[in-house]
Amino acid sequence: VQVVESGGGLVQSGGSLKLSCEVSGRTLSAYDIGWYRQAPGKEREYLARLWDNGLTQYEDAVKGRFTIFRGTTKNVVYLQMNNLKPEETAVYYCKYIGGPGDSWGRGTQVTVSS
């Protein structure tokens, strides 16, 4: 399974970005997608998850500002991020959660300027 993130870039504090996660390869018919981020010198942290049945879950720090959703094709999942803060500058990663094993993308850089 291959996972490719895109949509990162430079945005001002309070701005918005929409990240994309495209999954390809031999995926299961049902799988979940998670978004994570890793800031310099910090551990990778969980942000949100989209279950195959459509349920979503968010980490408290992004709840109400970030939205995870599928596009018109199942293999593309987005993370809409609003009201971004400088401390959210990080590499954002997408994770395929299914079988036979989870797969990570290489990440996309998001930089939020103050």
PDB file of N, CA and C in Angstrom:
ATOM      1  N   VAL A   1       0.855  -1.179   0.000  1.00  0.00           N
ATOM      2  CA  VAL A   1       0.000   0.000   0.000  1.00  0.00           C
ATOM      3  C   VAL A   1       0.896   1.235   0.000  1.00  0.00           C
ATOM      4  N   GLN A   2       0.554   2.184  -0.855  1.00  0.00           N
ATOM      5  CA  GLN A   2       1.308   3.440  -0.923  1.00  0.00           C
ATOM      6  C   GLN A   2       0.419   4.574  -0.431  1.00  0.00           C
ATOM      7  N   VAL A   3       1.042   5.464   0.307  1.00  0.00           N
ATOM      8  CA  VAL A   3       0.330   6.613   0.872  1.00  0.00           C
ATOM      9  C   VAL A   3       1.093   7.870   0.490  1.00  0.00           C
ATOM     10  N   VAL A   4       0.405   8.832  -0.091  1.00  0.00           N
ATOM     11  CA  VAL A   4       1.055  10.071  -0.510  1.00  0.00           C
ATOM     12  C   VAL A   4       0.257  11.263   0.011  1.00  0.00           C
ATOM     13  N   GLU A   5       0.926  12.102   0.781  1.00  0.00           N
ATOM     14  CA  GLU A   5       0.307  13.334   1.275  1.00  0.00           C
ATOM     15  C   GLU A   5       0.678  14.499   0.370  1.00  0.00           C
ATOM     16  N   SER A   6      -0.199  15.478   0.321  1.00  0.00           N
ATOM     17  CA  SER A   6       0.084  16.709  -0.412  1.00  0.00           C
ATOM     18  C   SER A   6      -0.746  17.831   0.188  1.00  0.00           C
ATOM     19  N   GLY A   7      -0.426  19.050  -0.259  1.00  0.00           N
ATOM     20  CA  GLY A   7      -1.207  20.196   0.177  1.00  0.00           C
ATOM     21  C   GLY A   7      -0.566  21.056   1.241  1.00  0.00           C
ATOM     22  N   GLY A   8       0.583  20.650   1.726  1.00  0.00           N
ATOM     23  CA  GLY A   8       1.260  21.460   2.718  1.00  0.00           C
ATOM     24  C   GLY A   8       1.803  22.743   2.119  1.00  0.00           C
ATOM     25  N   GLY A   9       2.266  23.612   2.984  1.00  0.00           N
ATOM     26  CA  GLY A   9       2.831  24.867   2.514  1.00  0.00           C
ATOM     27  C   GLY A   9       2.973  25.858   3.640  1.00  0.00           C
ATOM     28  N   LEU A  10       3.147  27.108   3.251  1.00  0.00           N
ATOM     29  CA  LEU A  10       3.311  28.202   4.209  1.00  0.00           C
ATOM     30  C   LEU A  10       1.996  28.964   4.329  1.00  0.00           C
ATOM     31  N   VAL A  11       1.569  29.180   5.556  1.00  0.00           N
ATOM     32  CA  VAL A  11       0.322  29.900   5.788  1.00  0.00           C
ATOM     33  C   VAL A  11       0.506  30.811   7.001  1.00  0.00           C
ATOM     34  N   GLN A  12      -0.204  31.904   7.014  1.00  0.00           N
ATOM     35  CA  GLN A  12      -0.118  32.813   8.160  1.00  0.00           C
ATOM     36  C   GLN A  12      -0.955  32.292   9.313  1.00  0.00           C
ATOM     37  N   SER A  13      -0.596  32.729  10.489  1.00  0.00           N
ATOM     38  CA  SER A  13      -1.365  32.378  11.678  1.00  0.00           C
ATOM     39  C   SER A  13      -2.834  32.743  11.478  1.00  0.00           C
ATOM     40  N   GLY A  14      -3.708  31.809  11.803  1.00  0.00           N
ATOM     41  CA  GLY A  14      -5.138  32.019  11.590  1.00  0.00           C
ATOM     42  C   GLY A  14      -5.637  31.560  10.238  1.00  0.00           C
ATOM     43  N   GLY A  15      -4.724  31.176   9.390  1.00  0.00           N
ATOM     44  CA  GLY A  15      -5.086  30.752   8.051  1.00  0.00           C
ATOM     45  C   GLY A  15      -5.521  29.292   7.986  1.00  0.00           C
ATOM     46  N   SER A  16      -5.786  28.843   6.766  1.00  0.00           N
ATOM     47  CA  SER A  16      -6.292  27.492   6.541  1.00  0.00           C
ATOM     48  C   SER A  16      -5.472  26.774   5.478  1.00  0.00           C
ATOM     49  N   LEU A  17      -5.446  25.469   5.593  1.00  0.00           N
ATOM     50  CA  LEU A  17      -4.859  24.609   4.575  1.00  0.00           C
ATOM     51  C   LEU A  17      -5.690  23.343   4.488  1.00  0.00           C
ATOM     52  N   LYS A  18      -5.681  22.748   3.306  1.00  0.00           N
ATOM     53  CA  LYS A  18      -6.373  21.481   3.103  1.00  0.00           C
ATOM     54  C   LYS A  18      -5.343  20.466   2.623  1.00  0.00           C
ATOM     55  N   LEU A  19      -5.093  19.464   3.434  1.00  0.00           N
ATOM     56  CA  LEU A  19      -4.150  18.416   3.080  1.00  0.00           C
ATOM     57  C   LEU A  19      -4.889  17.255   2.429  1.00  0.00           C
ATOM     58  N   SER A  20      -4.195  16.586   1.529  1.00  0.00           N
ATOM     59  CA  SER A  20      -4.757  15.423   0.853  1.00  0.00           C
ATOM     60  C   SER A  20      -3.925  14.191   1.154  1.00  0.00           C
ATOM     61  N   CYS A  21      -4.596  13.061   1.212  1.00  0.00           N
ATOM     62  CA  CYS A  21      -3.938  11.773   1.422  1.00  0.00           C
ATOM     63  C   CYS A  21      -4.500  10.814   0.384  1.00  0.00           C
ATOM     64  N   GLU A  22      -3.629  10.346  -0.492  1.00  0.00           N
ATOM     65  CA  GLU A  22      -4.059   9.410  -1.526  1.00  0.00           C
ATOM     66  C   GLU A  22      -3.452   8.041  -1.250  1.00  0.00           C
ATOM     67  N   VAL A  23      -4.313   7.052  -1.210  1.00  0.00           N
ATOM     68  CA  VAL A  23      -3.905   5.679  -0.928  1.00  0.00           C
ATOM     69  C   VAL A  23      -4.033   4.863  -2.204  1.00  0.00           C
ATOM     70  N   SER A  24      -3.043   4.041  -2.472  1.00  0.00           N
ATOM     71  CA  SER A  24      -3.094   3.194  -3.653  1.00  0.00           C
ATOM     72  C   SER A  24      -2.448   1.850  -3.329  1.00  0.00           C
ATOM     73  N   GLY A  25      -2.638   0.916  -4.242  1.00  0.00           N
ATOM     74  CA  GLY A  25      -2.059  -0.398  -4.038  1.00  0.00           C
ATOM     75  C   GLY A  25      -3.091  -1.397  -3.554  1.00  0.00           C
ATOM     76  N   ARG A  26      -2.607  -2.444  -2.941  1.00  0.00           N
ATOM     77  CA  ARG A  26      -3.469  -3.550  -2.543  1.00  0.00           C
ATOM     78  C   ARG A  26      -4.047  -3.294  -1.151  1.00  0.00           C
ATOM     79  N   THR A  27      -5.029  -2.431  -1.115  1.00  0.00           N
ATOM     80  CA  THR A  27      -5.683  -2.113   0.150  1.00  0.00           C
ATOM     81  C   THR A  27      -6.817  -3.096   0.411  1.00  0.00           C
ATOM     82  N   LEU A  28      -7.220  -3.145   1.659  1.00  0.00           N
ATOM     83  CA  LEU A  28      -8.427  -3.873   1.972  1.00  0.00           C
ATOM     84  C   LEU A  28      -9.626  -3.097   1.443  1.00  0.00           C
ATOM     85  N   SER A  29     -10.753  -3.763   1.317  1.00  0.00           N
ATOM     86  CA  SER A  29     -11.952  -3.061   0.869  1.00  0.00           C
ATOM     87  C   SER A  29     -12.434  -2.083   1.937  1.00  0.00           C
ATOM     88  N   ALA A  30     -12.111  -2.350   3.172  1.00  0.00           N
ATOM     89  CA  ALA A  30     -12.471  -1.458   4.273  1.00  0.00           C
ATOM     90  C   ALA A  30     -11.212  -1.104   5.057  1.00  0.00           C
ATOM     91  N   TYR A  31     -10.973   0.164   5.211  1.00  0.00           N
ATOM     92  CA  TYR A  31      -9.806   0.599   5.972  1.00  0.00           C
ATOM     93  C   TYR A  31     -10.050   1.985   6.540  1.00  0.00           C
ATOM     94  N   ASP A  32      -9.246   2.313   7.521  1.00  0.00           N
ATOM     95  CA  ASP A  32      -9.344   3.615   8.159  1.00  0.00           C
ATOM     96  C   ASP A  32      -8.131   4.454   7.758  1.00  0.00           C
ATOM     97  N   ILE A  33      -8.254   5.757   7.977  1.00  0.00           N
ATOM     98  CA  ILE A  33      -7.163   6.693   7.701  1.00  0.00           C
ATOM     99  C   ILE A  33      -6.941   7.564   8.932  1.00  0.00           C
ATOM    100  N   GLY A  34      -5.687   7.739   9.277  1.00  0.00           N
ATOM    101  CA  GLY A  34      -5.342   8.624  10.379  1.00  0.00           C
ATOM    102  C   GLY A  34      -4.412   9.733   9.910  1.00  0.00           C
ATOM    103  N   TRP A  35      -4.526  10.877  10.559  1.00  0.00           N
ATOM    104  CA  TRP A  35      -3.589  11.984  10.326  1.00  0.00           C
ATOM    105  C   TRP A  35      -2.805  12.235  11.595  1.00  0.00           C
ATOM    106  N   TYR A  36      -1.520  12.516  11.406  1.00  0.00           N
ATOM    107  CA  TYR A  36      -0.600  12.764  12.514  1.00  0.00           C
ATOM    108  C   TYR A  36       0.316  13.924  12.120  1.00  0.00           C
ATOM    109  N   ARG A  37       1.042  14.437  13.086  1.00  0.00           N
ATOM    110  CA  ARG A  37       2.050  15.440  12.771  1.00  0.00           C
ATOM    111  C   ARG A  37       3.237  15.280  13.709  1.00  0.00           C
ATOM    112  N   GLN A  38       4.357  15.782  13.237  1.00  0.00           N
ATOM    113  CA  GLN A  38       5.576  15.738  14.041  1.00  0.00           C
ATOM    114  C   GLN A  38       6.320  17.051  13.875  1.00  0.00           C
ATOM    115  N   ALA A  39       6.423  17.762  14.964  1.00  0.00           N
ATOM    116  CA  ALA A  39       7.172  19.012  14.978  1.00  0.00           C
ATOM    117  C   ALA A  39       8.636  18.703  15.279  1.00  0.00           C
ATOM    118  N   PRO A  40       9.537  19.600  14.897  1.00  0.00           N
ATOM    119  CA  PRO A  40      10.966  19.369  15.150  1.00  0.00           C
ATOM    120  C   PRO A  40      11.242  19.116  16.623  1.00  0.00           C
ATOM    121  N   GLY A  41      11.942  18.033  16.898  1.00  0.00           N
ATOM    122  CA  GLY A  41      12.322  17.714  18.260  1.00  0.00           C
ATOM    123  C   GLY A  41      11.216  17.137  19.122  1.00  0.00           C
ATOM    124  N   LYS A  42      10.083  16.851  18.512  1.00  0.00           N
ATOM    125  CA  LYS A  42       8.952  16.331  19.287  1.00  0.00           C
ATOM    126  C   LYS A  42       8.511  14.971  18.752  1.00  0.00           C
ATOM    127  N   GLU A  43       7.726  14.287  19.562  1.00  0.00           N
ATOM    128  CA  GLU A  43       7.177  13.008  19.159  1.00  0.00           C
ATOM    129  C   GLU A  43       6.063  13.215  18.122  1.00  0.00           C
ATOM    130  N   ARG A  44       5.845  12.206  17.325  1.00  0.00           N
ATOM    131  CA  ARG A  44       4.729  12.259  16.386  1.00  0.00           C
ATOM    132  C   ARG A  44       3.437  12.175  17.188  1.00  0.00           C
ATOM    133  N   GLU A  45       2.490  13.043  16.861  1.00  0.00           N
ATOM    134  CA  GLU A  45       1.245  13.065  17.617  1.00  0.00           C
ATOM    135  C   GLU A  45       0.042  12.813  16.719  1.00  0.00           C
ATOM    136  N   TYR A  46      -0.924  12.181  17.315  1.00  0.00           N
ATOM    137  CA  TYR A  46      -2.162  11.847  16.631  1.00  0.00           C
ATOM    138  C   TYR A  46      -3.039  13.090  16.505  1.00  0.00           C
ATOM    139  N   LEU A  47      -3.718  13.215  15.372  1.00  0.00           N
ATOM    140  CA  LEU A  47      -4.628  14.337  15.151  1.00  0.00           C
ATOM    141  C   LEU A  47      -6.068  13.896  14.955  1.00  0.00           C
ATOM    142  N   ALA A  48      -6.276  12.966  14.051  1.00  0.00           N
ATOM    143  CA  ALA A  48      -7.644  12.616  13.693  1.00  0.00           C
ATOM    144  C   ALA A  48      -7.658  11.260  13.012  1.00  0.00           C
ATOM    145  N   ARG A  49      -8.849  10.656  13.037  1.00  0.00           N
ATOM    146  CA  ARG A  49      -9.019   9.364  12.380  1.00  0.00           C
ATOM    147  C   ARG A  49     -10.383   9.317  11.715  1.00  0.00           C
ATOM    148  N   LEU A  50     -10.414   8.716  10.534  1.00  0.00           N
ATOM    149  CA  LEU A  50     -11.648   8.486   9.808  1.00  0.00           C
ATOM    150  C   LEU A  50     -11.818   6.986   9.650  1.00  0.00           C
ATOM    151  N   TRP A  51     -12.876   6.464  10.269  1.00  0.00           N
ATOM    152  CA  TRP A  51     -13.144   5.034  10.120  1.00  0.00           C
ATOM    153  C   TRP A  51     -13.813   4.778   8.777  1.00  0.00           C
ATOM    154  N   ASP A  52     -13.726   3.551   8.323  1.00  0.00           N
ATOM    155  CA  ASP A  52     -14.311   3.203   7.027  1.00  0.00           C
ATOM    156  C   ASP A  52     -15.815   3.440   7.019  1.00  0.00           C
ATOM    157  N   ASN A  53     -16.449   3.323   8.198  1.00  0.00           N
ATOM    158  CA  ASN A  53     -17.907   3.508   8.258  1.00  0.00           C
ATOM    159  C   ASN A  53     -18.300   4.981   8.337  1.00  0.00           C
ATOM    160  N   GLY A  54     -17.320   5.857   8.298  1.00  0.00           N
ATOM    161  CA  GLY A  54     -17.610   7.286   8.289  1.00  0.00           C
ATOM    162  C   GLY A  54     -17.456   7.996   9.615  1.00  0.00           C
ATOM    163  N   LEU A  55     -17.286   7.251  10.671  1.00  0.00           N
ATOM    164  CA  LEU A  55     -17.091   7.873  11.970  1.00  0.00           C
ATOM    165  C   LEU A  55     -15.744   8.588  12.023  1.00  0.00           C
ATOM    166  N   THR A  56     -15.697   9.651  12.791  1.00  0.00           N
ATOM    167  CA  THR A  56     -14.464  10.422  12.929  1.00  0.00           C
ATOM    168  C   THR A  56     -14.137  10.632  14.398  1.00  0.00           C
ATOM    169  N   GLN A  57     -12.868  10.873  14.638  1.00  0.00           N
ATOM    170  CA  GLN A  57     -12.390  11.159  15.993  1.00  0.00           C
ATOM    171  C   GLN A  57     -11.276  12.178  15.882  1.00  0.00           C
ATOM    172  N   TYR A  58     -11.201  13.092  16.848  1.00  0.00           N
ATOM    173  CA  TYR A  58     -10.192  14.147  16.819  1.00  0.00           C
ATOM    174  C   TYR A  58      -9.488  14.262  18.161  1.00  0.00           C
ATOM    175  N   GLU A  59      -8.230  14.600  18.085  1.00  0.00           N
ATOM    176  CA  GLU A  59      -7.490  14.935  19.283  1.00  0.00           C
ATOM    177  C   GLU A  59      -8.023  16.281  19.773  1.00  0.00           C
ATOM    178  N   ASP A  60      -8.044  16.454  21.087  1.00  0.00           N
ATOM    179  CA  ASP A  60      -8.678  17.640  21.665  1.00  0.00           C
ATOM    180  C   ASP A  60      -8.115  18.952  21.129  1.00  0.00           C
ATOM    181  N   ALA A  61      -6.819  19.004  20.871  1.00  0.00           N
ATOM    182  CA  ALA A  61      -6.193  20.264  20.461  1.00  0.00           C
ATOM    183  C   ALA A  61      -6.665  20.747  19.097  1.00  0.00           C
ATOM    184  N   VAL A  62      -7.210  19.864  18.287  1.00  0.00           N
ATOM    185  CA  VAL A  62      -7.625  20.269  16.944  1.00  0.00           C
ATOM    186  C   VAL A  62      -9.127  20.182  16.753  1.00  0.00           C
ATOM    187  N   LYS A  63      -9.830  19.676  17.742  1.00  0.00           N
ATOM    188  CA  LYS A  63     -11.276  19.513  17.632  1.00  0.00           C
ATOM    189  C   LYS A  63     -11.932  20.872  17.397  1.00  0.00           C
ATOM    190  N   GLY A  64     -12.805  20.915  16.418  1.00  0.00           N
ATOM    191  CA  GLY A  64     -13.479  22.160  16.089  1.00  0.00           C
ATOM    192  C   GLY A  64     -12.760  22.999  15.053  1.00  0.00           C
ATOM    193  N   ARG A  65     -11.491  22.694  14.812  1.00  0.00           N
ATOM    194  CA  ARG A  65     -10.727  23.447  13.808  1.00  0.00           C
ATOM    195  C   ARG A  65     -10.328  22.579  12.622  1.00  0.00           C
ATOM    196  N   PHE A  66     -10.107  21.307  12.854  1.00  0.00           N
ATOM    197  CA  PHE A  66      -9.712  20.380  11.792  1.00  0.00           C
ATOM    198  C   PHE A  66     -10.884  19.463  11.461  1.00  0.00           C
ATOM    199  N   THR A  67     -10.978  19.113  10.180  1.00  0.00           N
ATOM    200  CA  THR A  67     -12.016  18.191   9.737  1.00  0.00           C
ATOM    201  C   THR A  67     -11.398  17.155   8.818  1.00  0.00           C
ATOM    202  N   ILE A  68     -11.649  15.888   9.107  1.00  0.00           N
ATOM    203  CA  ILE A  68     -11.175  14.800   8.260  1.00  0.00           C
ATOM    204  C   ILE A  68     -12.366  14.273   7.476  1.00  0.00           C
ATOM    205  N   PHE A  69     -12.186  14.074   6.177  1.00  0.00           N
ATOM    206  CA  PHE A  69     -13.308  13.604   5.370  1.00  0.00           C
ATOM    207  C   PHE A  69     -12.789  12.964   4.093  1.00  0.00           C
ATOM    208  N   ARG A  70     -13.636  12.134   3.496  1.00  0.00           N
ATOM    209  CA  ARG A  70     -13.277  11.485   2.235  1.00  0.00           C
ATOM    210  C   ARG A  70     -13.719  12.358   1.066  1.00  0.00           C
ATOM    211  N   GLY A  71     -12.982  12.236  -0.020  1.00  0.00           N
ATOM    212  CA  GLY A  71     -13.364  12.895  -1.244  1.00  0.00           C
ATOM    213  C   GLY A  71     -14.393  12.065  -1.993  1.00  0.00           C
ATOM    214  N   THR A  72     -14.569  12.385  -3.256  1.00  0.00           N
ATOM    215  CA  THR A  72     -15.544  11.660  -4.068  1.00  0.00           C
ATOM    216  C   THR A  72     -15.087  10.235  -4.357  1.00  0.00           C
ATOM    217  N   THR A  73     -13.804   9.990  -4.275  1.00  0.00           N
ATOM    218  CA  THR A  73     -13.289   8.627  -4.401  1.00  0.00           C
ATOM    219  C   THR A  73     -12.766   8.181  -3.040  1.00  0.00           C
ATOM    220  N   LYS A  74     -12.991   6.927  -2.730  1.00  0.00           N
ATOM    221  CA  LYS A  74     -12.688   6.430  -1.390  1.00  0.00           C
ATOM    222  C   LYS A  74     -11.215   6.540  -1.046  1.00  0.00           C
ATOM    223  N   ASN A  75     -10.348   6.465  -2.054  1.00  0.00           N
ATOM    224  CA  ASN A  75      -8.925   6.395  -1.764  1.00  0.00           C
ATOM    225  C   ASN A  75      -8.288   7.754  -1.484  1.00  0.00           C
ATOM    226  N   VAL A  76      -9.075   8.804  -1.460  1.00  0.00           N
ATOM    227  CA  VAL A  76      -8.541  10.128  -1.141  1.00  0.00           C
ATOM    228  C   VAL A  76      -9.249  10.670   0.100  1.00  0.00           C
ATOM    229  N   VAL A  77      -8.441  11.023   1.064  1.00  0.00           N
ATOM    230  CA  VAL A  77      -8.972  11.567   2.322  1.00  0.00           C
ATOM    231  C   VAL A  77      -8.307  12.916   2.560  1.00  0.00           C
ATOM    232  N   TYR A  78      -9.082  13.842   3.046  1.00  0.00           N
ATOM    233  CA  TYR A  78      -8.591  15.201   3.262  1.00  0.00           C
ATOM    234  C   TYR A  78      -8.558  15.548   4.746  1.00  0.00           C
ATOM    235  N   LEU A  79      -7.716  16.505   5.048  1.00  0.00           N
ATOM    236  CA  LEU A  79      -7.709  17.100   6.379  1.00  0.00           C
ATOM    237  C   LEU A  79      -7.791  18.607   6.185  1.00  0.00           C
ATOM    238  N   GLN A  80      -8.954  19.154   6.459  1.00  0.00           N
ATOM    239  CA  GLN A  80      -9.142  20.604   6.387  1.00  0.00           C
ATOM    240  C   GLN A  80      -8.721  21.205   7.715  1.00  0.00           C
ATOM    241  N   MET A  81      -7.783  22.130   7.656  1.00  0.00           N
ATOM    242  CA  MET A  81      -7.247  22.724   8.881  1.00  0.00           C
ATOM    243  C   MET A  81      -7.517  24.218   8.867  1.00  0.00           C
ATOM    244  N   ASN A  82      -8.237  24.681   9.857  1.00  0.00           N
ATOM    245  CA  ASN A  82      -8.586  26.094   9.968  1.00  0.00           C
ATOM    246  C   ASN A  82      -7.966  26.705  11.218  1.00  0.00           C
ATOM    247  N   ASN A  83      -7.822  28.017  11.198  1.00  0.00           N
ATOM    248  CA  ASN A  83      -7.297  28.752  12.346  1.00  0.00           C
ATOM    249  C   ASN A  83      -5.972  28.158  12.833  1.00  0.00           C
ATOM    250  N   LEU A  84      -5.065  27.981  11.914  1.00  0.00           N
ATOM    251  CA  LEU A  84      -3.780  27.375  12.243  1.00  0.00           C
ATOM    252  C   LEU A  84      -2.938  28.307  13.110  1.00  0.00           C
ATOM    253  N   LYS A  85      -2.127  27.680  13.950  1.00  0.00           N
ATOM    254  CA  LYS A  85      -1.283  28.411  14.894  1.00  0.00           C
ATOM    255  C   LYS A  85       0.190  28.147  14.591  1.00  0.00           C
ATOM    256  N   PRO A  86       1.057  29.083  14.912  1.00  0.00           N
ATOM    257  CA  PRO A  86       2.487  28.877  14.626  1.00  0.00           C
ATOM    258  C   PRO A  86       3.048  27.603  15.252  1.00  0.00           C
ATOM    259  N   GLU A  87       2.567  27.243  16.421  1.00  0.00           N
ATOM    260  CA  GLU A  87       3.068  26.034  17.078  1.00  0.00           C
ATOM    261  C   GLU A  87       2.625  24.752  16.387  1.00  0.00           C
ATOM    262  N   GLU A  88       1.798  24.887  15.383  1.00  0.00           N
ATOM    263  CA  GLU A  88       1.365  23.720  14.616  1.00  0.00           C
ATOM    264  C   GLU A  88       2.233  23.490  13.384  1.00  0.00           C
ATOM    265  N   THR A  89       3.289  24.237  13.294  1.00  0.00           N
ATOM    266  CA  THR A  89       4.279  23.980  12.252  1.00  0.00           C
ATOM    267  C   THR A  89       4.871  22.592  12.473  1.00  0.00           C
ATOM    268  N   ALA A  90       4.786  21.761  11.438  1.00  0.00           N
ATOM    269  CA  ALA A  90       5.207  20.371  11.581  1.00  0.00           C
ATOM    270  C   ALA A  90       5.140  19.693  10.224  1.00  0.00           C
ATOM    271  N   VAL A  91       5.627  18.470  10.190  1.00  0.00           N
ATOM    272  CA  VAL A  91       5.389  17.596   9.054  1.00  0.00           C
ATOM    273  C   VAL A  91       4.132  16.799   9.374  1.00  0.00           C
ATOM    274  N   TYR A  92       3.198  16.830   8.447  1.00  0.00           N
ATOM    275  CA  TYR A  92       1.923  16.150   8.639  1.00  0.00           C
ATOM    276  C   TYR A  92       1.933  14.840   7.861  1.00  0.00           C
ATOM    277  N   TYR A  93       1.543  13.774   8.555  1.00  0.00           N
ATOM    278  CA  TYR A  93       1.589  12.437   7.976  1.00  0.00           C
ATOM    279  C   TYR A  93       0.199  11.810   7.923  1.00  0.00           C
ATOM    280  N   CYS A  94       0.014  11.021   6.900  1.00  0.00           N
ATOM    281  CA  CYS A  94      -1.199  10.233   6.747  1.00  0.00           C
ATOM    282  C   CYS A  94      -0.841   8.765   6.972  1.00  0.00           C
ATOM    283  N   LYS A  95      -1.757   8.050   7.567  1.00  0.00           N
ATOM    284  CA  LYS A  95      -1.522   6.638   7.858  1.00  0.00           C
ATOM    285  C   LYS A  95      -2.696   5.803   7.394  1.00  0.00           C
ATOM    286  N   TYR A  96      -2.398   4.827   6.572  1.00  0.00           N
ATOM    287  CA  TYR A  96      -3.387   3.823   6.169  1.00  0.00           C
ATOM    288  C   TYR A  96      -3.460   2.800   7.298  1.00  0.00           C
ATOM    289  N   ILE A  97      -4.668   2.543   7.789  1.00  0.00           N
ATOM    290  CA  ILE A  97      -4.860   1.629   8.904  1.00  0.00           C
ATOM    291  C   ILE A  97      -5.731   0.478   8.413  1.00  0.00           C
ATOM    292  N   GLY A  98      -5.068  -0.623   8.078  1.00  0.00           N
ATOM    293  CA  GLY A  98      -5.789  -1.768   7.565  1.00  0.00           C
ATOM    294  C   GLY A  98      -4.875  -2.965   7.478  1.00  0.00           C
ATOM    295  N   GLY A  99      -5.159  -3.861   6.584  1.00  0.00           N
ATOM    296  CA  GLY A  99      -4.308  -5.017   6.475  1.00  0.00           C
ATOM    297  C   GLY A  99      -3.599  -5.065   5.143  1.00  0.00           C
ATOM    298  N   PRO A 100      -2.539  -5.845   5.035  1.00  0.00           N
ATOM    299  CA  PRO A 100      -1.972  -6.661   6.090  1.00  0.00           C
ATOM    300  C   PRO A 100      -1.179  -5.863   7.127  1.00  0.00           C
ATOM    301  N   GLY A 101      -0.969  -4.602   6.928  1.00  0.00           N
ATOM    302  CA  GLY A 101      -0.272  -3.791   7.914  1.00  0.00           C
ATOM    303  C   GLY A 101      -0.513  -2.334   7.645  1.00  0.00           C
ATOM    304  N   ASP A 102      -0.266  -1.512   8.633  1.00  0.00           N
ATOM    305  CA  ASP A 102      -0.432  -0.074   8.445  1.00  0.00           C
ATOM    306  C   ASP A 102       0.685   0.469   7.564  1.00  0.00           C
ATOM    307  N   SER A 103       0.378   1.561   6.854  1.00  0.00           N
ATOM    308  CA  SER A 103       1.376   2.196   6.001  1.00  0.00           C
ATOM    309  C   SER A 103       1.363   3.690   6.212  1.00  0.00           C
ATOM    310  N   TRP A 104       2.547   4.286   6.243  1.00  0.00           N
ATOM    311  CA  TRP A 104       2.703   5.720   6.411  1.00  0.00           C
ATOM    312  C   TRP A 104       3.143   6.367   5.107  1.00  0.00           C
ATOM    313  N   GLY A 105       2.717   7.603   4.920  1.00  0.00           N
ATOM    314  CA  GLY A 105       3.273   8.398   3.847  1.00  0.00           C
ATOM    315  C   GLY A 105       4.548   9.071   4.314  1.00  0.00           C
ATOM    316  N   ARG A 106       5.150   9.848   3.416  1.00  0.00           N
ATOM    317  CA  ARG A 106       6.404  10.535   3.748  1.00  0.00           C
ATOM    318  C   ARG A 106       6.167  11.897   4.384  1.00  0.00           C
ATOM    319  N   GLY A 107       4.944  12.328   4.370  1.00  0.00           N
ATOM    320  CA  GLY A 107       4.603  13.577   5.036  1.00  0.00           C
ATOM    321  C   GLY A 107       4.625  14.786   4.123  1.00  0.00           C
ATOM    322  N   THR A 108       3.966  15.828   4.584  1.00  0.00           N
ATOM    323  CA  THR A 108       3.957  17.110   3.889  1.00  0.00           C
ATOM    324  C   THR A 108       4.185  18.210   4.925  1.00  0.00           C
ATOM    325  N   GLN A 109       5.050  19.147   4.587  1.00  0.00           N
ATOM    326  CA  GLN A 109       5.437  20.184   5.541  1.00  0.00           C
ATOM    327  C   GLN A 109       4.385  21.281   5.603  1.00  0.00           C
ATOM    328  N   VAL A 110       3.997  21.621   6.811  1.00  0.00           N
ATOM    329  CA  VAL A 110       3.103  22.755   7.044  1.00  0.00           C
ATOM    330  C   VAL A 110       3.856  23.745   7.928  1.00  0.00           C
ATOM    331  N   THR A 111       3.961  24.966   7.452  1.00  0.00           N
ATOM    332  CA  THR A 111       4.625  26.009   8.213  1.00  0.00           C
ATOM    333  C   THR A 111       3.640  27.142   8.440  1.00  0.00           C
ATOM    334  N   VAL A 112       3.449  27.486   9.697  1.00  0.00           N
ATOM    335  CA  VAL A 112       2.517  28.552  10.052  1.00  0.00           C
ATOM    336  C   VAL A 112       3.328  29.720  10.596  1.00  0.00           C
ATOM    337  N   SER A 113       3.264  30.837   9.901  1.00  0.00           N
ATOM    338  CA  SER A 113       4.040  32.003  10.317  1.00  0.00           C
ATOM    339  C   SER A 113       3.217  32.879  11.265  1.00  0.00           C
ATOM    340  N   SER A 114       3.924  33.554  12.165  1.00  0.00           N
ATOM    341  CA  SER A 114       3.233  34.402  13.143  1.00  0.00           C
ATOM    342  C   SER A 114       3.067  35.818  12.630  1.00  0.00           C
TER     343      SER A 114
END
